[in-house]
Each structure stands twice: as C-alpha cells, then as structure tokens.
Amino acid sequence: MKFRKVMFLLIVVVIAATGCGNPSDEKAYYKAHKKMMEIKSYEATVKISSYTGDSTREYKFSQMFQYPDKYRLEVISPSDFKGNVTVYNGKVAWIKHPAINQVWKMDNFEQSNEQLMFVGHFLKNFVNSENSNYHKEKINGQNSIVITTEVPGGNPHFYKQRLWVRIGDYTPIQLSVMDEQEKSKFEVYFEDFKINPKLDEKLFYLD
C-alpha cells in the first residue's frame, strides 16, 4: 500500500513539473502510470536480446511476477536451454537445469541482474530514483509513454532502465537496460502481457 501511495504522489508531482502543453499528453502520462501502479502480478512471454561487445544473443522466456519481488523465469528458446527455470520467492532462489537433472538453491540472490528484466523491479527502481524522466514516443508504429529511471548501485554496465508503455491499453511494450553511455545491454520485448492474473504461490518455489 505504501508503495502505491508513494508512486501516486510521484505521478502527480512529475506531471505538474513537466508542464506538458498538450492536455492529451498529460492524460496519457496519468493513465500509463496509473495502470503500472495497479500491477500486483503479471505474466508474459518475452523476447530478450542480450548485447555483449559485438555479439548478440536472442532468448525467449515465460516471465511471471508477483508483488513485491517474487518472480519466475523459464526458457522457451533456444532449445539448448529450454526448460531452464529460475525462481525467486523474495528470499531464496532456485535454478533448475532439467537437462542435467539439477536444482541449485541460493540464499543470497537479491542483486541478480536478471531482476532488471522485470517490470515489477523497474517500478521499484523508479520509485526510489530521484532522476526519472518521461516523454512520448512512437515505437514500431505504436504511440507510447517512455519512462527512464536509474538503477540503484551505480553499476556503469547496468546504469539505467527505460520502459515503453503502449498508449491505449497501457501495457508494457519494451524494457531496456542500458549502461552509463545509454548503450543497450538487454532489450526485453513483451508479448501477451497479462496484468494481475491469479498466480499460484507454488510457482515461486522449487523442491
């Protein structure tokens, strides 16, 4: 509840501070943030591009998130990694590799970089950042509200996040994780984004 109250106040202050001259833009900002504020859980299929030096790797995942910080990430492709699962319940993480029939349990997983690929963690960083900004942009032919925020910790390789929210149904389109020079390290593309599905608690545990 505190999270949502703080976020609502941030929305009001930021909209007032940006001083958008176009009332329709102000309305879009408000609707986008209001929709994000309502997220208690979500599930989506995501395509992720990972950039390291001159190389690019492509992955497809099933992604689930439960407020405030539980998540499940399962590989769909490439086939070599299909079925690999990472689960985090807010305290403990499990990593499962079915190809070798192994499950690892990790008690200290709070700073994993893969958390940056989740909208829920983006929103947490947004609330805690004093340096967020907003603008309107068309991406792949779709009008969107773009929110940029800093990643806590000051890691130059994972320094900022940027979220595109579709104007209309106000669901996420894309999430970028960037370095200090705003060069993309990860690009996350969302498909079939479902807000507030009922997720079984068992999804966030592995025996």
N, C-alpha and C. Protein backbone atom coordinates (compact mmCIF):
# COMPACT_ATOMS: atom_id res chain seq x y z
N MET A 1 0.83 -1.20 0.00
CA MET A 1 0.00 0.00 0.00
C MET A 1 0.86 1.25 0.00
N LYS A 2 1.92 1.27 0.84
CA LYS A 2 2.82 2.42 0.89
C LYS A 2 3.44 2.67 -0.47
N PHE A 3 3.85 1.59 -1.14
CA PHE A 3 4.45 1.69 -2.48
C PHE A 3 3.52 2.43 -3.43
N ARG A 4 2.24 2.07 -3.41
CA ARG A 4 1.29 2.66 -4.34
C ARG A 4 0.99 4.12 -4.00
N LYS A 5 0.95 4.44 -2.70
CA LYS A 5 0.73 5.83 -2.31
C LYS A 5 1.88 6.71 -2.76
N VAL A 6 3.10 6.24 -2.53
CA VAL A 6 4.29 7.00 -2.93
C VAL A 6 4.31 7.18 -4.43
N MET A 7 3.97 6.12 -5.17
CA MET A 7 4.01 6.20 -6.62
C MET A 7 2.96 7.18 -7.14
N PHE A 8 1.78 7.19 -6.52
CA PHE A 8 0.74 8.11 -6.96
C PHE A 8 1.20 9.55 -6.77
N LEU A 9 1.83 9.84 -5.63
CA LEU A 9 2.32 11.19 -5.39
C LEU A 9 3.40 11.57 -6.39
N LEU A 10 4.25 10.63 -6.74
CA LEU A 10 5.28 10.89 -7.74
C LEU A 10 4.67 11.25 -9.08
N ILE A 11 3.63 10.52 -9.46
CA ILE A 11 2.96 10.78 -10.73
C ILE A 11 2.44 12.21 -10.77
N VAL A 12 1.74 12.61 -9.71
CA VAL A 12 1.16 13.95 -9.66
C VAL A 12 2.23 15.02 -9.76
N VAL A 13 3.32 14.84 -8.98
CA VAL A 13 4.39 15.82 -8.96
C VAL A 13 5.08 15.91 -10.31
N VAL A 14 5.37 14.75 -10.92
CA VAL A 14 6.10 14.74 -12.18
C VAL A 14 5.28 15.36 -13.30
N ILE A 15 3.99 15.03 -13.36
CA ILE A 15 3.15 15.61 -14.40
C ILE A 15 3.09 17.13 -14.26
N ALA A 16 2.98 17.59 -13.03
CA ALA A 16 2.95 19.03 -12.81
C ALA A 16 4.28 19.67 -13.20
N ALA A 17 5.38 18.98 -12.89
CA ALA A 17 6.71 19.54 -13.15
C ALA A 17 7.04 19.56 -14.63
N THR A 18 6.57 18.57 -15.39
CA THR A 18 6.90 18.53 -16.81
C THR A 18 6.20 19.63 -17.57
N GLY A 19 5.06 20.08 -17.06
CA GLY A 19 4.37 21.19 -17.69
C GLY A 19 4.02 20.92 -19.13
N CYS A 20 3.53 19.75 -19.44
CA CYS A 20 3.17 19.41 -20.82
C CYS A 20 2.12 20.39 -21.33
N GLY A 21 2.34 20.92 -22.50
CA GLY A 21 1.39 21.87 -23.06
C GLY A 21 0.18 21.18 -23.65
N ASN A 22 0.30 19.94 -23.99
CA ASN A 22 -0.77 19.21 -24.65
C ASN A 22 -1.57 18.42 -23.60
N PRO A 23 -2.85 18.78 -23.38
CA PRO A 23 -3.66 18.06 -22.37
C PRO A 23 -3.74 16.57 -22.63
N SER A 24 -3.76 16.17 -23.91
CA SER A 24 -3.85 14.74 -24.22
C SER A 24 -2.59 14.01 -23.77
N ASP A 25 -1.43 14.69 -23.84
CA ASP A 25 -0.19 14.10 -23.34
C ASP A 25 -0.24 13.91 -21.83
N GLU A 26 -0.74 14.92 -21.13
CA GLU A 26 -0.87 14.82 -19.68
C GLU A 26 -1.78 13.65 -19.30
N LYS A 27 -2.87 13.51 -20.04
CA LYS A 27 -3.81 12.43 -19.77
C LYS A 27 -3.15 11.07 -20.00
N ALA A 28 -2.35 10.98 -21.07
CA ALA A 28 -1.66 9.72 -21.38
C ALA A 28 -0.64 9.38 -20.29
N TYR A 29 0.11 10.38 -19.83
CA TYR A 29 1.05 10.16 -18.73
C TYR A 29 0.33 9.59 -17.52
N TYR A 30 -0.76 10.24 -17.15
CA TYR A 30 -1.50 9.82 -15.96
C TYR A 30 -2.02 8.39 -16.11
N LYS A 31 -2.60 8.08 -17.27
CA LYS A 31 -3.16 6.74 -17.47
C LYS A 31 -2.08 5.67 -17.45
N ALA A 32 -0.94 5.96 -18.08
CA ALA A 32 0.16 4.99 -18.11
C ALA A 32 0.64 4.67 -16.70
N HIS A 33 0.86 5.70 -15.91
CA HIS A 33 1.36 5.49 -14.56
C HIS A 33 0.31 4.86 -13.65
N LYS A 34 -0.92 5.24 -13.84
CA LYS A 34 -2.00 4.64 -13.05
C LYS A 34 -2.08 3.14 -13.31
N LYS A 35 -1.95 2.76 -14.60
CA LYS A 35 -2.01 1.35 -14.96
C LYS A 35 -0.84 0.58 -14.34
N MET A 36 0.36 1.15 -14.42
CA MET A 36 1.52 0.50 -13.84
C MET A 36 1.36 0.36 -12.32
N MET A 37 0.74 1.36 -11.71
CA MET A 37 0.56 1.37 -10.27
C MET A 37 -0.38 0.25 -9.81
N GLU A 38 -1.24 -0.20 -10.71
CA GLU A 38 -2.22 -1.22 -10.37
C GLU A 38 -1.66 -2.64 -10.45
N ILE A 39 -0.44 -2.78 -10.95
CA ILE A 39 0.13 -4.11 -11.13
C ILE A 39 0.47 -4.76 -9.79
N LYS A 40 -0.21 -5.87 -9.51
CA LYS A 40 0.11 -6.69 -8.34
C LYS A 40 0.78 -7.99 -8.78
N SER A 41 0.49 -8.40 -10.00
CA SER A 41 1.12 -9.57 -10.60
C SER A 41 1.03 -9.42 -12.11
N TYR A 42 1.87 -10.17 -12.81
CA TYR A 42 1.73 -10.21 -14.27
C TYR A 42 2.40 -11.46 -14.81
N GLU A 43 2.01 -11.83 -16.01
CA GLU A 43 2.70 -12.88 -16.74
C GLU A 43 2.78 -12.48 -18.20
N ALA A 44 3.85 -12.89 -18.86
CA ALA A 44 4.05 -12.52 -20.25
C ALA A 44 5.05 -13.46 -20.89
N THR A 45 4.99 -13.53 -22.21
CA THR A 45 6.06 -14.14 -22.99
C THR A 45 6.99 -13.00 -23.39
N VAL A 46 8.29 -13.20 -23.21
CA VAL A 46 9.23 -12.12 -23.52
C VAL A 46 10.33 -12.62 -24.45
N LYS A 47 10.71 -11.75 -25.36
CA LYS A 47 11.88 -11.98 -26.20
C LYS A 47 12.98 -11.05 -25.70
N ILE A 48 14.15 -11.61 -25.45
CA ILE A 48 15.24 -10.83 -24.87
C ILE A 48 16.46 -10.88 -25.79
N SER A 49 16.98 -9.71 -26.09
CA SER A 49 18.24 -9.59 -26.82
C SER A 49 19.30 -9.14 -25.83
N SER A 50 20.38 -9.91 -25.74
CA SER A 50 21.48 -9.61 -24.83
C SER A 50 22.69 -9.19 -25.65
N TYR A 51 23.27 -8.04 -25.31
CA TYR A 51 24.38 -7.49 -26.08
C TYR A 51 25.65 -7.50 -25.24
N THR A 52 26.68 -8.18 -25.75
CA THR A 52 27.99 -8.21 -25.11
C THR A 52 29.04 -7.95 -26.17
N GLY A 53 29.70 -6.79 -26.08
CA GLY A 53 30.66 -6.43 -27.13
C GLY A 53 29.95 -6.33 -28.46
N ASP A 54 30.45 -7.07 -29.45
CA ASP A 54 29.84 -7.07 -30.78
C ASP A 54 28.87 -8.23 -30.98
N SER A 55 28.69 -9.04 -29.96
CA SER A 55 27.82 -10.21 -30.11
C SER A 55 26.43 -9.95 -29.53
N THR A 56 25.45 -10.61 -30.15
CA THR A 56 24.06 -10.51 -29.70
C THR A 56 23.50 -11.91 -29.52
N ARG A 57 22.83 -12.14 -28.41
CA ARG A 57 22.18 -13.42 -28.17
C ARG A 57 20.69 -13.20 -27.99
N GLU A 58 19.90 -14.10 -28.56
CA GLU A 58 18.45 -13.98 -28.51
C GLU A 58 17.86 -15.12 -27.67
N TYR A 59 16.92 -14.76 -26.81
CA TYR A 59 16.26 -15.73 -25.95
C TYR A 59 14.76 -15.46 -25.94
N LYS A 60 14.01 -16.50 -25.60
CA LYS A 60 12.57 -16.35 -25.39
C LYS A 60 12.23 -17.00 -24.06
N PHE A 61 11.48 -16.28 -23.22
CA PHE A 61 11.16 -16.74 -21.88
C PHE A 61 9.68 -16.63 -21.59
N SER A 62 9.23 -17.43 -20.63
CA SER A 62 7.97 -17.20 -19.94
C SER A 62 8.33 -16.47 -18.65
N GLN A 63 7.67 -15.33 -18.41
CA GLN A 63 8.02 -14.48 -17.27
C GLN A 63 6.80 -14.28 -16.38
N MET A 64 6.95 -14.50 -15.08
CA MET A 64 5.88 -14.26 -14.12
C MET A 64 6.41 -13.42 -12.97
N PHE A 65 5.56 -12.54 -12.46
CA PHE A 65 5.97 -11.67 -11.35
C PHE A 65 4.82 -11.52 -10.37
N GLN A 66 5.15 -11.55 -9.08
CA GLN A 66 4.16 -11.35 -8.01
C GLN A 66 4.70 -10.27 -7.06
N TYR A 67 3.92 -9.22 -6.86
CA TYR A 67 4.32 -8.12 -5.97
C TYR A 67 4.60 -8.65 -4.56
N PRO A 68 5.69 -8.20 -3.86
CA PRO A 68 6.56 -7.12 -4.31
C PRO A 68 7.78 -7.56 -5.10
N ASP A 69 8.25 -8.82 -4.95
CA ASP A 69 9.51 -9.17 -5.62
C ASP A 69 9.66 -10.65 -5.97
N LYS A 70 8.56 -11.39 -6.04
CA LYS A 70 8.64 -12.79 -6.43
C LYS A 70 8.61 -12.90 -7.95
N TYR A 71 9.41 -13.81 -8.50
CA TYR A 71 9.35 -13.98 -9.95
C TYR A 71 9.75 -15.39 -10.38
N ARG A 72 9.35 -15.71 -11.59
CA ARG A 72 9.67 -16.99 -12.22
C ARG A 72 10.04 -16.72 -13.67
N LEU A 73 11.15 -17.30 -14.10
CA LEU A 73 11.65 -17.10 -15.46
C LEU A 73 11.99 -18.46 -16.05
N GLU A 74 11.31 -18.84 -17.13
CA GLU A 74 11.53 -20.15 -17.74
C GLU A 74 11.89 -19.99 -19.22
N VAL A 75 12.95 -20.67 -19.63
CA VAL A 75 13.43 -20.55 -21.01
C VAL A 75 12.54 -21.34 -21.96
N ILE A 76 12.13 -20.67 -23.04
CA ILE A 76 11.38 -21.32 -24.12
C ILE A 76 12.33 -21.67 -25.27
N SER A 77 13.23 -20.76 -25.59
CA SER A 77 14.25 -20.98 -26.61
C SER A 77 15.47 -20.12 -26.29
N PRO A 78 16.66 -20.54 -26.75
CA PRO A 78 16.97 -21.62 -27.68
C PRO A 78 16.78 -23.01 -27.07
N SER A 79 16.74 -24.00 -27.92
CA SER A 79 16.41 -25.36 -27.49
C SER A 79 17.43 -25.92 -26.50
N ASP A 80 18.70 -25.47 -26.60
CA ASP A 80 19.73 -25.97 -25.68
C ASP A 80 19.43 -25.63 -24.23
N PHE A 81 18.66 -24.56 -24.02
CA PHE A 81 18.36 -24.11 -22.66
C PHE A 81 16.88 -24.26 -22.31
N LYS A 82 16.11 -24.84 -23.22
CA LYS A 82 14.67 -24.95 -23.00
C LYS A 82 14.36 -25.69 -21.69
N GLY A 83 13.46 -25.10 -20.91
CA GLY A 83 13.07 -25.72 -19.65
C GLY A 83 13.87 -25.27 -18.44
N ASN A 84 14.97 -24.55 -18.67
CA ASN A 84 15.72 -23.99 -17.54
C ASN A 84 14.84 -22.98 -16.81
N VAL A 85 14.83 -23.06 -15.50
CA VAL A 85 13.93 -22.21 -14.70
C VAL A 85 14.71 -21.52 -13.58
N THR A 86 14.43 -20.23 -13.41
CA THR A 86 14.90 -19.50 -12.23
C THR A 86 13.68 -19.03 -11.46
N VAL A 87 13.63 -19.32 -10.18
CA VAL A 87 12.51 -18.94 -9.32
C VAL A 87 13.06 -18.18 -8.12
N TYR A 88 12.40 -17.07 -7.78
CA TYR A 88 12.80 -16.29 -6.60
C TYR A 88 11.56 -15.95 -5.80
N ASN A 89 11.58 -16.27 -4.51
CA ASN A 89 10.38 -16.04 -3.68
C ASN A 89 10.51 -14.82 -2.77
N GLY A 90 11.50 -13.98 -3.06
CA GLY A 90 11.72 -12.79 -2.24
C GLY A 90 12.82 -12.97 -1.22
N LYS A 91 13.18 -14.24 -0.96
CA LYS A 91 14.24 -14.55 0.00
C LYS A 91 15.24 -15.55 -0.56
N VAL A 92 14.70 -16.57 -1.21
CA VAL A 92 15.52 -17.68 -1.71
C VAL A 92 15.27 -17.87 -3.20
N ALA A 93 16.33 -18.24 -3.92
CA ALA A 93 16.21 -18.51 -5.35
C ALA A 93 16.57 -19.97 -5.63
N TRP A 94 15.91 -20.52 -6.65
CA TRP A 94 16.24 -21.85 -7.15
C TRP A 94 16.52 -21.74 -8.64
N ILE A 95 17.51 -22.48 -9.09
CA ILE A 95 17.83 -22.55 -10.52
C ILE A 95 17.79 -24.01 -10.93
N LYS A 96 16.94 -24.32 -11.89
CA LYS A 96 16.74 -25.70 -12.32
C LYS A 96 17.22 -25.90 -13.74
N HIS A 97 18.06 -26.95 -13.94
CA HIS A 97 18.53 -27.34 -15.26
C HIS A 97 18.04 -28.76 -15.52
N PRO A 98 16.88 -28.92 -16.17
CA PRO A 98 16.32 -30.26 -16.35
C PRO A 98 17.18 -31.18 -17.21
N ALA A 99 17.99 -30.60 -18.11
CA ALA A 99 18.81 -31.44 -18.99
C ALA A 99 19.81 -32.26 -18.21
N ILE A 100 20.26 -31.73 -17.07
CA ILE A 100 21.20 -32.48 -16.23
C ILE A 100 20.58 -32.85 -14.89
N ASN A 101 19.26 -32.63 -14.79
CA ASN A 101 18.50 -33.02 -13.60
C ASN A 101 19.11 -32.44 -12.32
N GLN A 102 19.38 -31.13 -12.36
CA GLN A 102 19.99 -30.47 -11.22
C GLN A 102 19.17 -29.25 -10.80
N VAL A 103 19.07 -29.04 -9.48
CA VAL A 103 18.43 -27.84 -8.92
C VAL A 103 19.40 -27.25 -7.90
N TRP A 104 19.69 -25.95 -8.06
CA TRP A 104 20.55 -25.25 -7.11
C TRP A 104 19.71 -24.27 -6.30
N LYS A 105 19.96 -24.23 -5.02
CA LYS A 105 19.28 -23.29 -4.13
C LYS A 105 20.28 -22.21 -3.71
N MET A 106 19.85 -20.94 -3.81
CA MET A 106 20.73 -19.82 -3.49
C MET A 106 20.04 -18.91 -2.48
N ASP A 107 20.70 -18.68 -1.35
CA ASP A 107 20.11 -17.87 -0.28
C ASP A 107 20.38 -16.37 -0.44
N ASN A 108 21.35 -16.00 -1.26
CA ASN A 108 21.68 -14.58 -1.44
C ASN A 108 21.60 -14.24 -2.92
N PHE A 109 20.40 -13.87 -3.36
CA PHE A 109 20.16 -13.68 -4.79
C PHE A 109 19.55 -12.31 -5.08
N GLU A 110 19.59 -11.41 -4.11
CA GLU A 110 18.87 -10.15 -4.22
C GLU A 110 19.41 -9.23 -5.30
N GLN A 111 20.70 -9.35 -5.64
CA GLN A 111 21.30 -8.41 -6.59
C GLN A 111 21.48 -9.01 -7.98
N SER A 112 20.71 -10.03 -8.32
CA SER A 112 20.83 -10.65 -9.63
C SER A 112 20.43 -9.66 -10.73
N ASN A 113 21.26 -9.61 -11.79
CA ASN A 113 20.98 -8.69 -12.90
C ASN A 113 19.72 -9.06 -13.66
N GLU A 114 19.31 -10.33 -13.59
CA GLU A 114 18.11 -10.72 -14.33
C GLU A 114 16.85 -10.06 -13.77
N GLN A 115 16.90 -9.59 -12.52
CA GLN A 115 15.77 -8.87 -11.96
C GLN A 115 15.47 -7.60 -12.75
N LEU A 116 16.49 -7.04 -13.38
CA LEU A 116 16.32 -5.80 -14.14
C LEU A 116 15.44 -6.00 -15.36
N MET A 117 15.18 -7.25 -15.74
CA MET A 117 14.36 -7.54 -16.92
C MET A 117 12.87 -7.63 -16.59
N PHE A 118 12.51 -7.36 -15.33
CA PHE A 118 11.12 -7.45 -14.89
C PHE A 118 10.53 -6.06 -14.68
N VAL A 119 9.31 -5.86 -15.16
CA VAL A 119 8.62 -4.58 -14.98
C VAL A 119 8.47 -4.25 -13.50
N GLY A 120 8.19 -5.26 -12.68
CA GLY A 120 8.00 -5.04 -11.25
C GLY A 120 9.22 -4.42 -10.60
N HIS A 121 10.41 -4.88 -10.97
CA HIS A 121 11.63 -4.32 -10.40
C HIS A 121 11.94 -2.95 -11.00
N PHE A 122 11.56 -2.74 -12.26
CA PHE A 122 11.68 -1.40 -12.84
C PHE A 122 10.88 -0.39 -12.01
N LEU A 123 9.65 -0.74 -11.67
CA LEU A 123 8.80 0.17 -10.91
C LEU A 123 9.39 0.47 -9.53
N LYS A 124 10.00 -0.54 -8.92
CA LYS A 124 10.65 -0.34 -7.62
C LYS A 124 11.80 0.65 -7.75
N ASN A 125 12.61 0.51 -8.81
CA ASN A 125 13.72 1.43 -9.03
C ASN A 125 13.22 2.83 -9.33
N PHE A 126 12.12 2.90 -10.09
CA PHE A 126 11.52 4.19 -10.43
C PHE A 126 11.11 4.96 -9.18
N VAL A 127 10.47 4.28 -8.25
CA VAL A 127 10.00 4.92 -7.02
C VAL A 127 11.18 5.43 -6.19
N ASN A 128 12.28 4.69 -6.19
CA ASN A 128 13.42 5.05 -5.35
C ASN A 128 14.39 6.01 -6.01
N SER A 129 14.20 6.30 -7.29
CA SER A 129 15.12 7.18 -8.01
C SER A 129 14.67 8.63 -7.95
N GLU A 130 15.65 9.52 -7.85
CA GLU A 130 15.37 10.96 -7.90
C GLU A 130 15.59 11.50 -9.31
N ASN A 131 16.01 10.64 -10.22
CA ASN A 131 16.34 11.08 -11.57
C ASN A 131 15.59 10.25 -12.61
N SER A 132 14.29 10.43 -12.65
CA SER A 132 13.45 9.78 -13.66
C SER A 132 12.94 10.83 -14.62
N ASN A 133 12.70 10.44 -15.86
CA ASN A 133 12.12 11.38 -16.82
C ASN A 133 11.18 10.66 -17.75
N TYR A 134 10.38 11.42 -18.49
CA TYR A 134 9.26 10.89 -19.26
C TYR A 134 9.15 11.62 -20.58
N HIS A 135 8.76 10.91 -21.60
CA HIS A 135 8.41 11.57 -22.85
C HIS A 135 7.49 10.66 -23.66
N LYS A 136 6.93 11.23 -24.71
CA LYS A 136 6.04 10.48 -25.60
C LYS A 136 6.81 10.11 -26.85
N GLU A 137 6.61 8.89 -27.35
CA GLU A 137 7.39 8.41 -28.49
C GLU A 137 6.61 7.35 -29.26
N LYS A 138 6.85 7.28 -30.56
CA LYS A 138 6.26 6.22 -31.37
C LYS A 138 7.32 5.14 -31.57
N ILE A 139 6.97 3.90 -31.25
CA ILE A 139 7.89 2.78 -31.41
C ILE A 139 7.18 1.67 -32.17
N ASN A 140 7.78 1.22 -33.26
CA ASN A 140 7.18 0.19 -34.11
C ASN A 140 5.74 0.54 -34.49
N GLY A 141 5.53 1.82 -34.79
CA GLY A 141 4.21 2.27 -35.22
C GLY A 141 3.20 2.46 -34.10
N GLN A 142 3.63 2.30 -32.85
CA GLN A 142 2.72 2.41 -31.71
C GLN A 142 3.09 3.62 -30.85
N ASN A 143 2.10 4.44 -30.54
CA ASN A 143 2.33 5.56 -29.63
C ASN A 143 2.55 5.04 -28.22
N SER A 144 3.54 5.60 -27.54
CA SER A 144 3.86 5.10 -26.21
C SER A 144 4.34 6.21 -25.29
N ILE A 145 4.22 5.96 -24.00
CA ILE A 145 4.83 6.78 -22.98
C ILE A 145 6.13 6.09 -22.58
N VAL A 146 7.23 6.82 -22.56
CA VAL A 146 8.54 6.26 -22.24
C VAL A 146 9.01 6.80 -20.89
N ILE A 147 9.35 5.89 -19.99
CA ILE A 147 9.81 6.25 -18.65
C ILE A 147 11.26 5.77 -18.51
N THR A 148 12.15 6.68 -18.12
CA THR A 148 13.55 6.33 -17.91
C THR A 148 13.90 6.55 -16.45
N THR A 149 14.59 5.59 -15.84
CA THR A 149 14.99 5.72 -14.44
C THR A 149 16.36 5.12 -14.23
N GLU A 150 17.00 5.47 -13.13
CA GLU A 150 18.32 4.94 -12.81
C GLU A 150 18.21 3.62 -12.05
N VAL A 151 19.23 2.79 -12.22
CA VAL A 151 19.35 1.55 -11.45
C VAL A 151 20.18 1.85 -10.21
N PRO A 152 19.71 1.51 -9.02
CA PRO A 152 20.50 1.80 -7.81
C PRO A 152 21.81 1.02 -7.80
N GLY A 153 22.81 1.60 -7.16
CA GLY A 153 24.10 0.93 -7.04
C GLY A 153 25.19 1.55 -7.87
N GLY A 154 24.81 2.30 -8.91
CA GLY A 154 25.80 2.99 -9.73
C GLY A 154 26.67 2.10 -10.58
N ASN A 155 26.22 0.88 -10.90
CA ASN A 155 26.98 -0.01 -11.78
C ASN A 155 27.02 0.59 -13.19
N PRO A 156 28.20 0.92 -13.73
CA PRO A 156 28.26 1.57 -15.05
C PRO A 156 27.76 0.69 -16.19
N HIS A 157 27.72 -0.63 -15.97
CA HIS A 157 27.26 -1.55 -17.02
C HIS A 157 25.74 -1.72 -17.02
N PHE A 158 25.12 -1.50 -15.87
CA PHE A 158 23.66 -1.59 -15.75
C PHE A 158 23.20 -0.34 -15.01
N TYR A 159 23.15 0.76 -15.74
CA TYR A 159 23.03 2.09 -15.12
C TYR A 159 21.62 2.67 -15.19
N LYS A 160 20.91 2.38 -16.28
CA LYS A 160 19.57 2.93 -16.47
C LYS A 160 18.63 1.88 -17.03
N GLN A 161 17.33 2.11 -16.81
CA GLN A 161 16.28 1.31 -17.42
C GLN A 161 15.31 2.25 -18.12
N ARG A 162 14.74 1.75 -19.20
CA ARG A 162 13.76 2.55 -19.95
C ARG A 162 12.58 1.65 -20.32
N LEU A 163 11.38 2.09 -19.97
CA LEU A 163 10.17 1.30 -20.22
C LEU A 163 9.25 2.04 -21.17
N TRP A 164 8.79 1.33 -22.22
CA TRP A 164 7.80 1.86 -23.16
C TRP A 164 6.43 1.28 -22.81
N VAL A 165 5.45 2.14 -22.58
CA VAL A 165 4.10 1.72 -22.24
C VAL A 165 3.16 2.16 -23.36
N ARG A 166 2.45 1.21 -23.92
CA ARG A 166 1.56 1.47 -25.06
C ARG A 166 0.41 2.38 -24.67
N ILE A 167 0.19 3.44 -25.46
CA ILE A 167 -0.97 4.31 -25.24
C ILE A 167 -2.20 3.61 -25.83
N GLY A 168 -3.20 3.43 -25.02
CA GLY A 168 -4.42 2.72 -25.43
C GLY A 168 -4.80 1.74 -24.35
N ASP A 169 -4.12 0.58 -24.35
CA ASP A 169 -4.38 -0.38 -23.27
C ASP A 169 -3.38 -0.22 -22.12
N TYR A 170 -2.37 0.61 -22.32
CA TYR A 170 -1.38 0.94 -21.30
C TYR A 170 -0.72 -0.29 -20.70
N THR A 171 -0.24 -1.14 -21.59
CA THR A 171 0.57 -2.29 -21.19
C THR A 171 1.99 -2.10 -21.70
N PRO A 172 2.98 -2.71 -21.04
CA PRO A 172 4.37 -2.55 -21.47
C PRO A 172 4.62 -3.14 -22.86
N ILE A 173 5.42 -2.43 -23.64
CA ILE A 173 5.85 -2.90 -24.95
C ILE A 173 7.27 -3.42 -24.87
N GLN A 174 8.13 -2.64 -24.25
CA GLN A 174 9.56 -2.94 -24.26
C GLN A 174 10.23 -2.37 -23.02
N LEU A 175 11.26 -3.07 -22.54
CA LEU A 175 12.07 -2.61 -21.42
C LEU A 175 13.54 -2.74 -21.81
N SER A 176 14.29 -1.64 -21.68
CA SER A 176 15.71 -1.65 -22.00
C SER A 176 16.53 -1.45 -20.74
N VAL A 177 17.64 -2.18 -20.65
CA VAL A 177 18.62 -1.99 -19.59
C VAL A 177 19.88 -1.47 -20.27
N MET A 178 20.37 -0.30 -19.80
CA MET A 178 21.45 0.39 -20.50
C MET A 178 22.64 0.66 -19.59
N ASP A 179 23.80 0.87 -20.23
CA ASP A 179 24.98 1.24 -19.46
C ASP A 179 25.03 2.76 -19.27
N GLU A 180 26.12 3.24 -18.73
CA GLU A 180 26.24 4.66 -18.39
C GLU A 180 26.19 5.56 -19.62
N GLN A 181 26.57 5.01 -20.78
CA GLN A 181 26.51 5.77 -22.04
C GLN A 181 25.19 5.56 -22.77
N GLU A 182 24.24 4.93 -22.09
CA GLU A 182 22.91 4.62 -22.63
C GLU A 182 22.97 3.66 -23.82
N LYS A 183 23.97 2.79 -23.81
CA LYS A 183 24.05 1.72 -24.79
C LYS A 183 23.34 0.51 -24.22
N SER A 184 22.46 -0.09 -25.00
CA SER A 184 21.63 -1.20 -24.51
C SER A 184 22.47 -2.43 -24.17
N LYS A 185 22.18 -3.00 -23.01
CA LYS A 185 22.77 -4.28 -22.60
C LYS A 185 21.75 -5.40 -22.76
N PHE A 186 20.48 -5.08 -22.46
CA PHE A 186 19.37 -6.00 -22.66
C PHE A 186 18.20 -5.24 -23.28
N GLU A 187 17.51 -5.89 -24.19
CA GLU A 187 16.24 -5.38 -24.71
C GLU A 187 15.20 -6.47 -24.46
N VAL A 188 14.15 -6.11 -23.75
CA VAL A 188 13.08 -7.06 -23.40
C VAL A 188 11.81 -6.65 -24.13
N TYR A 189 11.28 -7.55 -24.97
CA TYR A 189 10.07 -7.27 -25.75
C TYR A 189 8.93 -8.14 -25.20
N PHE A 190 7.85 -7.49 -24.81
CA PHE A 190 6.75 -8.20 -24.15
C PHE A 190 5.67 -8.61 -25.14
N GLU A 191 5.19 -9.86 -24.99
CA GLU A 191 4.07 -10.37 -25.76
C GLU A 191 3.02 -10.91 -24.78
N ASP A 192 1.75 -10.74 -25.13
CA ASP A 192 0.65 -11.30 -24.32
C ASP A 192 0.80 -10.91 -22.84
N PHE A 193 1.02 -9.62 -22.59
CA PHE A 193 1.22 -9.15 -21.23
C PHE A 193 -0.11 -9.13 -20.48
N LYS A 194 -0.22 -9.95 -19.44
CA LYS A 194 -1.46 -10.06 -18.67
C LYS A 194 -1.24 -9.46 -17.28
N ILE A 195 -2.06 -8.47 -16.95
CA ILE A 195 -1.93 -7.78 -15.67
C ILE A 195 -2.85 -8.42 -14.63
N ASN A 196 -2.28 -8.68 -13.47
CA ASN A 196 -2.99 -9.21 -12.30
C ASN A 196 -3.67 -10.56 -12.51
N PRO A 197 -2.99 -11.51 -13.17
CA PRO A 197 -3.54 -12.87 -13.18
C PRO A 197 -3.36 -13.49 -11.79
N LYS A 198 -4.15 -14.47 -11.49
CA LYS A 198 -4.01 -15.17 -10.21
C LYS A 198 -2.91 -16.21 -10.36
N LEU A 199 -1.81 -16.04 -9.65
CA LEU A 199 -0.66 -16.92 -9.75
C LEU A 199 -0.53 -17.76 -8.48
N ASP A 200 -0.45 -19.06 -8.66
CA ASP A 200 -0.30 -19.97 -7.52
C ASP A 200 1.05 -19.73 -6.84
N GLU A 201 1.04 -19.65 -5.52
CA GLU A 201 2.27 -19.43 -4.76
C GLU A 201 3.31 -20.52 -5.03
N LYS A 202 2.84 -21.70 -5.40
CA LYS A 202 3.76 -22.81 -5.66
C LYS A 202 4.67 -22.53 -6.86
N LEU A 203 4.26 -21.60 -7.73
CA LEU A 203 5.09 -21.25 -8.88
C LEU A 203 6.40 -20.62 -8.46
N PHE A 204 6.46 -20.08 -7.24
CA PHE A 204 7.64 -19.36 -6.79
C PHE A 204 8.47 -20.17 -5.79
N TYR A 205 8.32 -21.49 -5.88
CA TYR A 205 9.11 -22.41 -5.07
C TYR A 205 9.49 -23.60 -5.94
N LEU A 206 10.67 -24.16 -5.68
CA LEU A 206 11.08 -25.42 -6.29
C LEU A 206 11.58 -26.33 -5.18
N ASP A 207 11.15 -27.58 -5.21
CA ASP A 207 11.60 -28.54 -4.20
C ASP A 207 12.95 -29.13 -4.60
